[in-house]
Amino acid sequence: MQLFDELKNIGQKRIKANKAAEKKVPEGMWISCPKCHQSFYHKDLGTYKDCPTCGYGFRIGAYERLEWLVDDYSEMDTNISTVDPLNFPGYQEKLAQAKEKTKLNDSVWTGIAHIKKQKFALGIMDSKFIMGSLGTITGEKLTRLFEKATKEELPVVLFTASGGARMQEGIFSLMQMAKVSQAVKAHANAGLFYLVVLTDPTTGGVTASFAMQGDIILSEPRALVGFAGKRVIEQTIHQKVPEDLQDAETVLKEGFIDAIVSRPKLKETIARLLELNQKRGK
């Protein structure tokens, strides 16, 4: 009984953090997953930048994704840039910062790539460029990508990541939904394959258009997929919604996604789908 009491007392003691020692730990040494909230050593993030506990794919840039996704690539349309159609205050400065940060001319990388000798048109939206927002140049680059793929009879693989339409470009931004969708339809009419991979986050006008128009729609684990944000939904319907409402896993259950694929398996999965969906007659 005495031993039991001693153990009980030990268990009830509060241990104070050593603030002096805490200051000696370098910033960024430990990372907390925003989905499962588990903390882990930064080196455990690995090549794919995915959570070792739940598989959530941390947000990465287009060039960082290219490093492990494809065997080789050539980039397209690097010499076009927005003309700031509304002369929106501070927009040029924001664009300059985004270009410097991502090394892109807008929120999507486009080009021609190969995986296991299979050639395809590739688009990668970058959430680090003004939250991957859909602007006029984003729409123009994606439209040109589909037009080139249609002309050369190539499949298209598109990684989506977006907060929605870019408010600094107003109606010009919203028009890109229809513009890209038209190019997607022409590509489909030619009997060509379109594969979408949803990444965190895919929302707004991108979800409402070309992100959901693929022949096959994949998603990375735990990616946020939806149209309006959780707070907007709750304010509209005047009731709470489940925390996992817009998790890819929930969207999969509702039939809007075909499969969830972890990053280490994406390259192999894409290669297999490209092989299975080659244009008939080629």
C-alpha atoms as a PDB file:
ATOM      1  CA  MET A   1       0.000   0.000   0.000  1.00  0.00           C
ATOM      2  CA  GLN A   2       2.863   2.357   0.780  1.00  0.00           C
ATOM      3  CA  LEU A   3       4.446   1.688  -2.614  1.00  0.00           C
ATOM      4  CA  PHE A   4       1.099   2.365  -4.320  1.00  0.00           C
ATOM      5  CA  ASP A   5       0.746   5.725  -2.544  1.00  0.00           C
ATOM      6  CA  GLU A   6       4.262   6.723  -3.518  1.00  0.00           C
ATOM      7  CA  LEU A   7       3.624   5.922  -7.179  1.00  0.00           C
ATOM      8  CA  LYS A   8       0.326   7.785  -7.037  1.00  0.00           C
ATOM      9  CA  ASN A   9       1.995  10.850  -5.611  1.00  0.00           C
ATOM     10  CA  ILE A  10       4.696  10.762  -8.257  1.00  0.00           C
ATOM     11  CA  GLY A  11       2.058  10.577 -10.968  1.00  0.00           C
ATOM     12  CA  GLN A  12       0.282  13.639  -9.580  1.00  0.00           C
ATOM     13  CA  LYS A  13       3.380  15.817  -9.489  1.00  0.00           C
ATOM     14  CA  ARG A  14       3.558  18.578 -12.086  1.00  0.00           C
ATOM     15  CA  ILE A  15       6.760  18.949 -14.051  1.00  0.00           C
ATOM     16  CA  LYS A  16       7.650  22.526 -14.991  1.00  0.00           C
ATOM     17  CA  ALA A  17       9.227  23.186 -18.345  1.00  0.00           C
ATOM     18  CA  ASN A  18      12.845  24.279 -18.323  1.00  0.00           C
ATOM     19  CA  LYS A  19      12.549  27.609 -20.119  1.00  0.00           C
ATOM     20  CA  ALA A  20      16.309  28.095 -20.303  1.00  0.00           C
ATOM     21  CA  ALA A  21      16.774  24.730 -22.003  1.00  0.00           C
ATOM     22  CA  GLU A  22      13.813  25.403 -24.292  1.00  0.00           C
ATOM     23  CA  LYS A  23      15.495  28.516 -25.690  1.00  0.00           C
ATOM     24  CA  LYS A  24      18.495  26.415 -26.735  1.00  0.00           C
ATOM     25  CA  VAL A  25      16.383  24.224 -29.040  1.00  0.00           C
ATOM     26  CA  PRO A  26      16.724  25.576 -32.619  1.00  0.00           C
ATOM     27  CA  GLU A  27      13.510  26.845 -34.204  1.00  0.00           C
ATOM     28  CA  GLY A  28      11.936  24.373 -36.622  1.00  0.00           C
ATOM     29  CA  MET A  29      13.564  21.356 -34.976  1.00  0.00           C
ATOM     30  CA  TRP A  30      10.148  19.883 -34.128  1.00  0.00           C
ATOM     31  CA  ILE A  31       7.171  19.986 -36.502  1.00  0.00           C
ATOM     32  CA  SER A  32       3.508  19.602 -35.616  1.00  0.00           C
ATOM     33  CA  CYS A  33       1.143  18.081 -38.175  1.00  0.00           C
ATOM     34  CA  PRO A  34      -1.870  20.382 -38.727  1.00  0.00           C
ATOM     35  CA  LYS A  35      -4.137  17.362 -39.243  1.00  0.00           C
ATOM     36  CA  CYS A  36      -3.275  14.734 -36.610  1.00  0.00           C
ATOM     37  CA  HIS A  37      -1.456  17.248 -34.343  1.00  0.00           C
ATOM     38  CA  GLN A  38       1.411  14.828 -33.684  1.00  0.00           C
ATOM     39  CA  SER A  39       4.861  16.370 -33.281  1.00  0.00           C
ATOM     40  CA  PHE A  40       7.908  14.830 -34.898  1.00  0.00           C
ATOM     41  CA  TYR A  41      11.579  15.525 -35.563  1.00  0.00           C
ATOM     42  CA  HIS A  42      12.004  17.683 -38.674  1.00  0.00           C
ATOM     43  CA  LYS A  43      14.219  15.135 -40.458  1.00  0.00           C
ATOM     44  CA  ASP A  44      11.362  12.621 -40.291  1.00  0.00           C
ATOM     45  CA  LEU A  45       9.482  14.773 -42.801  1.00  0.00           C
ATOM     46  CA  GLY A  46      11.626  13.157 -45.479  1.00  0.00           C
ATOM     47  CA  THR A  47      11.806  13.624 -49.230  1.00  0.00           C
ATOM     48  CA  TYR A  48       8.051  13.707 -49.742  1.00  0.00           C
ATOM     49  CA  LYS A  49       7.293  16.169 -46.942  1.00  0.00           C
ATOM     50  CA  ASP A  50       4.475  14.004 -45.586  1.00  0.00           C
ATOM     51  CA  CYS A  51       3.485  13.356 -41.979  1.00  0.00           C
ATOM     52  CA  PRO A  52       4.990  10.076 -40.690  1.00  0.00           C
ATOM     53  CA  THR A  53       1.877   9.485 -38.570  1.00  0.00           C
ATOM     54  CA  CYS A  54      -1.155  10.233 -40.789  1.00  0.00           C
ATOM     55  CA  GLY A  55       0.378  10.714 -44.251  1.00  0.00           C
ATOM     56  CA  TYR A  56      -0.795  14.324 -44.654  1.00  0.00           C
ATOM     57  CA  GLY A  57       1.173  16.025 -47.425  1.00  0.00           C
ATOM     58  CA  PHE A  58       2.593  19.327 -46.258  1.00  0.00           C
ATOM     59  CA  ARG A  59       2.262  22.193 -48.733  1.00  0.00           C
ATOM     60  CA  ILE A  60       5.204  22.254 -51.137  1.00  0.00           C
ATOM     61  CA  GLY A  61       6.207  24.305 -54.158  1.00  0.00           C
ATOM     62  CA  ALA A  62       5.964  23.189 -57.779  1.00  0.00           C
ATOM     63  CA  TYR A  63       9.706  22.744 -58.284  1.00  0.00           C
ATOM     64  CA  GLU A  64      10.008  20.798 -55.042  1.00  0.00           C
ATOM     65  CA  ARG A  65       7.318  18.400 -56.275  1.00  0.00           C
ATOM     66  CA  LEU A  66       8.999  17.995 -59.651  1.00  0.00           C
ATOM     67  CA  GLU A  67      12.160  16.679 -57.963  1.00  0.00           C
ATOM     68  CA  TRP A  68      10.541  13.369 -57.025  1.00  0.00           C
ATOM     69  CA  LEU A  69       7.533  13.208 -59.337  1.00  0.00           C
ATOM     70  CA  VAL A  70       8.931  12.895 -62.876  1.00  0.00           C
ATOM     71  CA  ASP A  71      11.963  11.533 -64.687  1.00  0.00           C
ATOM     72  CA  ASP A  72      12.485  14.692 -66.777  1.00  0.00           C
ATOM     73  CA  TYR A  73      10.558  17.764 -67.868  1.00  0.00           C
ATOM     74  CA  SER A  74      10.556  20.901 -70.020  1.00  0.00           C
ATOM     75  CA  GLU A  75       8.736  24.026 -68.861  1.00  0.00           C
ATOM     76  CA  MET A  76       6.256  26.056 -70.926  1.00  0.00           C
ATOM     77  CA  ASP A  77       5.112  29.680 -71.058  1.00  0.00           C
ATOM     78  CA  THR A  78       7.616  31.245 -68.676  1.00  0.00           C
ATOM     79  CA  ASN A  79       7.563  34.599 -70.478  1.00  0.00           C
ATOM     80  CA  ILE A  80       3.964  35.693 -69.809  1.00  0.00           C
ATOM     81  CA  SER A  81       2.764  37.680 -66.803  1.00  0.00           C
ATOM     82  CA  THR A  82      -0.354  39.465 -65.614  1.00  0.00           C
ATOM     83  CA  VAL A  83      -1.004  43.073 -66.612  1.00  0.00           C
ATOM     84  CA  ASP A  84      -2.926  43.864 -63.393  1.00  0.00           C
ATOM     85  CA  PRO A  85      -6.268  44.421 -65.186  1.00  0.00           C
ATOM     86  CA  LEU A  86      -7.916  46.370 -62.333  1.00  0.00           C
ATOM     87  CA  ASN A  87      -4.867  48.359 -61.169  1.00  0.00           C
ATOM     88  CA  PHE A  88      -5.523  46.891 -57.743  1.00  0.00           C
ATOM     89  CA  PRO A  89      -3.604  48.706 -54.967  1.00  0.00           C
ATOM     90  CA  GLY A  90      -0.494  46.821 -53.841  1.00  0.00           C
ATOM     91  CA  TYR A  91      -1.063  43.991 -56.317  1.00  0.00           C
ATOM     92  CA  GLN A  92       2.164  44.497 -58.263  1.00  0.00           C
ATOM     93  CA  GLU A  93       4.164  44.294 -55.040  1.00  0.00           C
ATOM     94  CA  LYS A  94       2.348  41.107 -54.022  1.00  0.00           C
ATOM     95  CA  LEU A  95       3.039  39.578 -57.440  1.00  0.00           C
ATOM     96  CA  ALA A  96       6.717  40.462 -57.221  1.00  0.00           C
ATOM     97  CA  GLN A  97       7.007  38.825 -53.794  1.00  0.00           C
ATOM     98  CA  ALA A  98       5.241  35.692 -55.002  1.00  0.00           C
ATOM     99  CA  LYS A  99       7.461  35.428 -58.078  1.00  0.00           C
ATOM    100  CA  GLU A 100      10.570  35.766 -55.961  1.00  0.00           C
ATOM    101  CA  LYS A 101       9.351  33.177 -53.460  1.00  0.00           C
ATOM    102  CA  THR A 102       8.253  30.506 -55.955  1.00  0.00           C
ATOM    103  CA  LYS A 103      10.382  31.291 -59.036  1.00  0.00           C
ATOM    104  CA  LEU A 104       7.170  31.054 -61.075  1.00  0.00           C
ATOM    105  CA  ASN A 105       5.519  33.706 -63.265  1.00  0.00           C
ATOM    106  CA  ASP A 106       2.124  32.822 -61.759  1.00  0.00           C
ATOM    107  CA  SER A 107       0.400  30.246 -59.567  1.00  0.00           C
ATOM    108  CA  VAL A 108       0.835  27.244 -61.874  1.00  0.00           C
ATOM    109  CA  TRP A 109       3.806  25.464 -63.403  1.00  0.00           C
ATOM    110  CA  THR A 110       3.129  23.924 -66.818  1.00  0.00           C
ATOM    111  CA  GLY A 111       5.219  21.784 -69.112  1.00  0.00           C
ATOM    112  CA  ILE A 112       5.834  18.424 -70.767  1.00  0.00           C
ATOM    113  CA  ALA A 113       7.147  15.570 -68.632  1.00  0.00           C
ATOM    114  CA  HIS A 114       8.029  11.883 -68.718  1.00  0.00           C
ATOM    115  CA  ILE A 115       7.496   9.052 -66.238  1.00  0.00           C
ATOM    116  CA  LYS A 116       8.866   5.677 -67.322  1.00  0.00           C
ATOM    117  CA  LYS A 117       9.155   6.902 -70.933  1.00  0.00           C
ATOM    118  CA  GLN A 118       5.506   7.965 -70.997  1.00  0.00           C
ATOM    119  CA  LYS A 119       5.078  11.517 -72.262  1.00  0.00           C
ATOM    120  CA  PHE A 120       2.336  13.749 -70.896  1.00  0.00           C
ATOM    121  CA  ALA A 121       1.358  17.385 -70.303  1.00  0.00           C
ATOM    122  CA  LEU A 122       1.788  18.383 -66.662  1.00  0.00           C
ATOM    123  CA  GLY A 123       0.410  21.223 -64.573  1.00  0.00           C
ATOM    124  CA  ILE A 124       1.277  21.874 -60.918  1.00  0.00           C
ATOM    125  CA  MET A 125      -0.514  24.619 -59.011  1.00  0.00           C
ATOM    126  CA  ASP A 126       1.588  26.222 -56.269  1.00  0.00           C
ATOM    127  CA  SER A 127      -0.146  27.285 -53.048  1.00  0.00           C
ATOM    128  CA  LYS A 128       2.852  29.463 -52.182  1.00  0.00           C
ATOM    129  CA  PHE A 129       1.978  31.843 -55.050  1.00  0.00           C
ATOM    130  CA  ILE A 130      -0.775  34.006 -53.513  1.00  0.00           C
ATOM    131  CA  MET A 131      -2.385  30.839 -52.122  1.00  0.00           C
ATOM    132  CA  GLY A 132      -2.509  29.225 -55.556  1.00  0.00           C
ATOM    133  CA  SER A 133      -5.252  31.660 -56.528  1.00  0.00           C
ATOM    134  CA  LEU A 134      -6.748  31.517 -60.010  1.00  0.00           C
ATOM    135  CA  GLY A 135      -5.673  34.565 -62.003  1.00  0.00           C
ATOM    136  CA  THR A 136      -5.721  35.418 -65.704  1.00  0.00           C
ATOM    137  CA  ILE A 137      -2.235  34.037 -66.315  1.00  0.00           C
ATOM    138  CA  THR A 138      -3.024  30.887 -64.343  1.00  0.00           C
ATOM    139  CA  GLY A 139      -5.993  30.335 -66.633  1.00  0.00           C
ATOM    140  CA  GLU A 140      -4.007  31.218 -69.749  1.00  0.00           C
ATOM    141  CA  LYS A 141      -1.198  28.787 -68.899  1.00  0.00           C
ATOM    142  CA  LEU A 142      -3.626  25.955 -68.150  1.00  0.00           C
ATOM    143  CA  THR A 143      -5.584  26.628 -71.347  1.00  0.00           C
ATOM    144  CA  ARG A 144      -2.397  26.561 -73.407  1.00  0.00           C
ATOM    145  CA  LEU A 145      -1.384  23.330 -71.666  1.00  0.00           C
ATOM    146  CA  PHE A 146      -4.622  21.578 -72.661  1.00  0.00           C
ATOM    147  CA  GLU A 147      -4.501  23.003 -76.188  1.00  0.00           C
ATOM    148  CA  LYS A 148      -0.951  21.723 -76.666  1.00  0.00           C
ATOM    149  CA  ALA A 149      -1.925  18.336 -75.232  1.00  0.00           C
ATOM    150  CA  THR A 150      -4.894  18.142 -77.606  1.00  0.00           C
ATOM    151  CA  LYS A 151      -2.773  19.080 -80.614  1.00  0.00           C
ATOM    152  CA  GLU A 152      -0.030  16.570 -79.752  1.00  0.00           C
ATOM    153  CA  GLU A 153      -2.477  13.905 -78.515  1.00  0.00           C
ATOM    154  CA  LEU A 154      -1.063  13.822 -74.986  1.00  0.00           C
ATOM    155  CA  PRO A 155      -2.741  13.002 -71.677  1.00  0.00           C
ATOM    156  CA  VAL A 156      -2.840  15.741 -69.033  1.00  0.00           C
ATOM    157  CA  VAL A 157      -1.938  15.353 -65.352  1.00  0.00           C
ATOM    158  CA  LEU A 158      -2.854  18.322 -63.154  1.00  0.00           C
ATOM    159  CA  PHE A 159      -2.016  18.852 -59.473  1.00  0.00           C
ATOM    160  CA  THR A 160      -4.447  21.364 -58.004  1.00  0.00           C
ATOM    161  CA  ALA A 161      -3.811  23.631 -55.018  1.00  0.00           C
ATOM    162  CA  SER A 162      -5.817  26.814 -54.677  1.00  0.00           C
ATOM    163  CA  GLY A 163      -7.664  29.152 -52.368  1.00  0.00           C
ATOM    164  CA  GLY A 164      -9.990  30.043 -55.258  1.00  0.00           C
ATOM    165  CA  ALA A 165     -10.366  33.027 -57.569  1.00  0.00           C
ATOM    166  CA  ARG A 166      -7.870  35.891 -57.201  1.00  0.00           C
ATOM    167  CA  MET A 167      -9.767  38.872 -55.829  1.00  0.00           C
ATOM    168  CA  GLN A 168      -7.229  41.371 -57.219  1.00  0.00           C
ATOM    169  CA  GLU A 169      -8.382  40.455 -60.728  1.00  0.00           C
ATOM    170  CA  GLY A 170     -12.136  40.381 -60.044  1.00  0.00           C
ATOM    171  CA  ILE A 171     -14.352  39.115 -62.865  1.00  0.00           C
ATOM    172  CA  PHE A 172     -11.288  38.413 -65.038  1.00  0.00           C
ATOM    173  CA  SER A 173     -10.319  35.746 -62.539  1.00  0.00           C
ATOM    174  CA  LEU A 174     -13.774  34.138 -62.535  1.00  0.00           C
ATOM    175  CA  MET A 175     -13.755  33.977 -66.341  1.00  0.00           C
ATOM    176  CA  GLN A 176     -10.809  31.563 -66.182  1.00  0.00           C
ATOM    177  CA  MET A 177     -13.122  28.825 -64.847  1.00  0.00           C
ATOM    178  CA  ALA A 178     -15.022  28.727 -68.129  1.00  0.00           C
ATOM    179  CA  LYS A 179     -11.937  29.312 -70.244  1.00  0.00           C
ATOM    180  CA  VAL A 180     -10.019  26.348 -68.832  1.00  0.00           C
ATOM    181  CA  SER A 181     -13.146  24.171 -68.780  1.00  0.00           C
ATOM    182  CA  GLN A 182     -13.632  24.760 -72.492  1.00  0.00           C
ATOM    183  CA  ALA A 183     -10.066  23.603 -73.177  1.00  0.00           C
ATOM    184  CA  VAL A 184     -10.644  20.552 -70.962  1.00  0.00           C
ATOM    185  CA  LYS A 185     -13.783  19.684 -72.992  1.00  0.00           C
ATOM    186  CA  ALA A 186     -11.927  19.961 -76.316  1.00  0.00           C
ATOM    187  CA  HIS A 187      -9.216  17.668 -74.905  1.00  0.00           C
ATOM    188  CA  ALA A 188     -11.892  15.156 -73.811  1.00  0.00           C
ATOM    189  CA  ASN A 189     -13.624  15.327 -77.209  1.00  0.00           C
ATOM    190  CA  ALA A 190     -10.342  14.223 -78.770  1.00  0.00           C
ATOM    191  CA  GLY A 191     -10.507  11.043 -76.683  1.00  0.00           C
ATOM    192  CA  LEU A 192      -7.589  12.006 -74.440  1.00  0.00           C
ATOM    193  CA  PHE A 193      -7.039  11.201 -70.775  1.00  0.00           C
ATOM    194  CA  TYR A 194      -7.138  13.818 -67.995  1.00  0.00           C
ATOM    195  CA  LEU A 195      -5.947  12.934 -64.494  1.00  0.00           C
ATOM    196  CA  VAL A 196      -6.398  15.284 -61.514  1.00  0.00           C
ATOM    197  CA  VAL A 197      -4.515  15.041 -58.222  1.00  0.00           C
ATOM    198  CA  LEU A 198      -6.066  17.191 -55.488  1.00  0.00           C
ATOM    199  CA  THR A 199      -3.628  18.602 -52.933  1.00  0.00           C
ATOM    200  CA  ASP A 200      -4.078  20.714 -49.817  1.00  0.00           C
ATOM    201  CA  PRO A 201      -5.977  22.980 -50.241  1.00  0.00           C
ATOM    202  CA  THR A 202      -8.181  22.734 -53.338  1.00  0.00           C
ATOM    203  CA  THR A 203     -11.094  25.137 -52.922  1.00  0.00           C
ATOM    204  CA  GLY A 204     -13.228  27.827 -54.531  1.00  0.00           C
ATOM    205  CA  GLY A 205     -13.536  28.261 -58.275  1.00  0.00           C
ATOM    206  CA  VAL A 206     -10.847  25.678 -58.997  1.00  0.00           C
ATOM    207  CA  THR A 207     -12.920  23.002 -57.237  1.00  0.00           C
ATOM    208  CA  ALA A 208     -16.027  24.310 -58.996  1.00  0.00           C
ATOM    209  CA  SER A 209     -14.444  23.833 -62.419  1.00  0.00           C
ATOM    210  CA  PHE A 210     -11.432  21.980 -63.789  1.00  0.00           C
ATOM    211  CA  ALA A 211     -10.379  20.245 -60.542  1.00  0.00           C
ATOM    212  CA  MET A 212     -13.515  18.104 -60.715  1.00  0.00           C
ATOM    213  CA  GLN A 213     -13.527  17.499 -64.479  1.00  0.00           C
ATOM    214  CA  GLY A 214     -10.862  14.787 -64.638  1.00  0.00           C
ATOM    215  CA  ASP A 215     -11.525  11.311 -65.992  1.00  0.00           C
ATOM    216  CA  ILE A 216      -9.950  10.085 -62.773  1.00  0.00           C
ATOM    217  CA  ILE A 217      -9.626  12.221 -59.635  1.00  0.00           C
ATOM    218  CA  LEU A 218      -7.040  11.307 -57.016  1.00  0.00           C
ATOM    219  CA  SER A 219      -6.160  13.120 -53.798  1.00  0.00           C
ATOM    220  CA  GLU A 220      -3.306  13.234 -51.343  1.00  0.00           C
ATOM    221  CA  PRO A 221      -4.192  12.096 -47.797  1.00  0.00           C
ATOM    222  CA  ARG A 222      -5.999  14.573 -45.534  1.00  0.00           C
ATOM    223  CA  ALA A 223      -6.082  17.298 -48.206  1.00  0.00           C
ATOM    224  CA  LEU A 224      -8.712  20.013 -47.717  1.00  0.00           C
ATOM    225  CA  VAL A 225     -11.158  19.792 -50.629  1.00  0.00           C
ATOM    226  CA  GLY A 226     -14.234  21.972 -50.913  1.00  0.00           C
ATOM    227  CA  PHE A 227     -15.815  25.113 -52.303  1.00  0.00           C
ATOM    228  CA  ALA A 228     -16.534  27.553 -49.467  1.00  0.00           C
ATOM    229  CA  GLY A 229     -14.616  27.617 -46.205  1.00  0.00           C
ATOM    230  CA  LYS A 230     -15.952  25.974 -43.053  1.00  0.00           C
ATOM    231  CA  ARG A 231     -16.763  29.307 -41.389  1.00  0.00           C
ATOM    232  CA  VAL A 232     -18.683  30.573 -44.440  1.00  0.00           C
ATOM    233  CA  ILE A 233     -20.697  27.343 -44.574  1.00  0.00           C
ATOM    234  CA  GLU A 234     -21.617  27.612 -40.890  1.00  0.00           C
ATOM    235  CA  GLN A 235     -22.623  31.259 -41.246  1.00  0.00           C
ATOM    236  CA  THR A 236     -24.806  30.360 -44.224  1.00  0.00           C
ATOM    237  CA  ILE A 237     -26.638  27.333 -42.819  1.00  0.00           C
ATOM    238  CA  HIS A 238     -26.502  28.556 -39.185  1.00  0.00           C
ATOM    239  CA  GLN A 239     -25.222  25.302 -37.744  1.00  0.00           C
ATOM    240  CA  LYS A 240     -21.939  23.599 -36.982  1.00  0.00           C
ATOM    241  CA  VAL A 241     -20.431  21.234 -39.518  1.00  0.00           C
ATOM    242  CA  PRO A 242     -18.147  18.251 -38.785  1.00  0.00           C
ATOM    243  CA  GLU A 243     -14.437  19.037 -38.479  1.00  0.00           C
ATOM    244  CA  ASP A 244     -13.628  16.485 -41.183  1.00  0.00           C
ATOM    245  CA  LEU A 245     -16.336  17.703 -43.587  1.00  0.00           C
ATOM    246  CA  GLN A 246     -13.808  18.827 -46.204  1.00  0.00           C
ATOM    247  CA  ASP A 247     -11.127  16.215 -45.603  1.00  0.00           C
ATOM    248  CA  ALA A 248     -10.313  14.223 -48.736  1.00  0.00           C
ATOM    249  CA  GLU A 249     -11.345  11.045 -46.916  1.00  0.00           C
ATOM    250  CA  THR A 250     -14.884  12.402 -46.416  1.00  0.00           C
ATOM    251  CA  VAL A 251     -15.077  13.636 -50.004  1.00  0.00           C
ATOM    252  CA  LEU A 252     -13.984  10.157 -51.130  1.00  0.00           C
ATOM    253  CA  LYS A 253     -16.844   8.547 -49.181  1.00  0.00           C
ATOM    254  CA  GLU A 254     -19.306  10.885 -50.905  1.00  0.00           C
ATOM    255  CA  GLY A 255     -18.070   9.771 -54.331  1.00  0.00           C
ATOM    256  CA  PHE A 256     -16.282  12.896 -55.573  1.00  0.00           C
ATOM    257  CA  ILE A 257     -12.803  11.333 -55.432  1.00  0.00           C
ATOM    258  CA  ASP A 258     -11.765   8.002 -56.952  1.00  0.00           C
ATOM    259  CA  ALA A 259      -8.822   7.202 -54.671  1.00  0.00           C
ATOM    260  CA  ILE A 260      -6.471   8.666 -52.094  1.00  0.00           C
ATOM    261  CA  VAL A 261      -2.811   8.050 -52.850  1.00  0.00           C
ATOM    262  CA  SER A 262       0.144   8.860 -50.604  1.00  0.00           C
ATOM    263  CA  ARG A 263       3.047  10.797 -52.087  1.00  0.00           C
ATOM    264  CA  PRO A 264       5.530   7.880 -52.111  1.00  0.00           C
ATOM    265  CA  LYS A 265       3.087   5.970 -54.346  1.00  0.00           C
ATOM    266  CA  LEU A 266       2.024   8.827 -56.642  1.00  0.00           C
ATOM    267  CA  LYS A 267       4.673   8.428 -59.338  1.00  0.00           C
ATOM    268  CA  GLU A 268       3.998   4.713 -59.736  1.00  0.00           C
ATOM    269  CA  THR A 269       0.222   5.248 -59.683  1.00  0.00           C
ATOM    270  CA  ILE A 270       0.335   7.995 -62.310  1.00  0.00           C
ATOM    271  CA  ALA A 271       2.549   5.856 -64.554  1.00  0.00           C
ATOM    272  CA  ARG A 272       0.121   2.955 -64.294  1.00  0.00           C
ATOM    273  CA  LEU A 273      -2.930   5.114 -65.037  1.00  0.00           C
ATOM    274  CA  LEU A 274      -1.221   6.711 -68.038  1.00  0.00           C
ATOM    275  CA  GLU A 275      -0.398   3.266 -69.350  1.00  0.00           C
ATOM    276  CA  LEU A 276      -3.978   2.019 -68.892  1.00  0.00           C
ATOM    277  CA  ASN A 277      -5.518   5.111 -70.489  1.00  0.00           C
ATOM    278  CA  GLN A 278      -3.500   5.537 -73.650  1.00  0.00           C
ATOM    279  CA  LYS A 279      -5.531   6.901 -76.551  1.00  0.00           C
ATOM    280  CA  ARG A 280      -7.255   4.134 -78.421  1.00  0.00           C
ATOM    281  CA  GLY A 281      -5.677   3.454 -81.802  1.00  0.00           C
ATOM    282  CA  LYS A 282      -2.239   4.819 -80.925  1.00  0.00           C
END
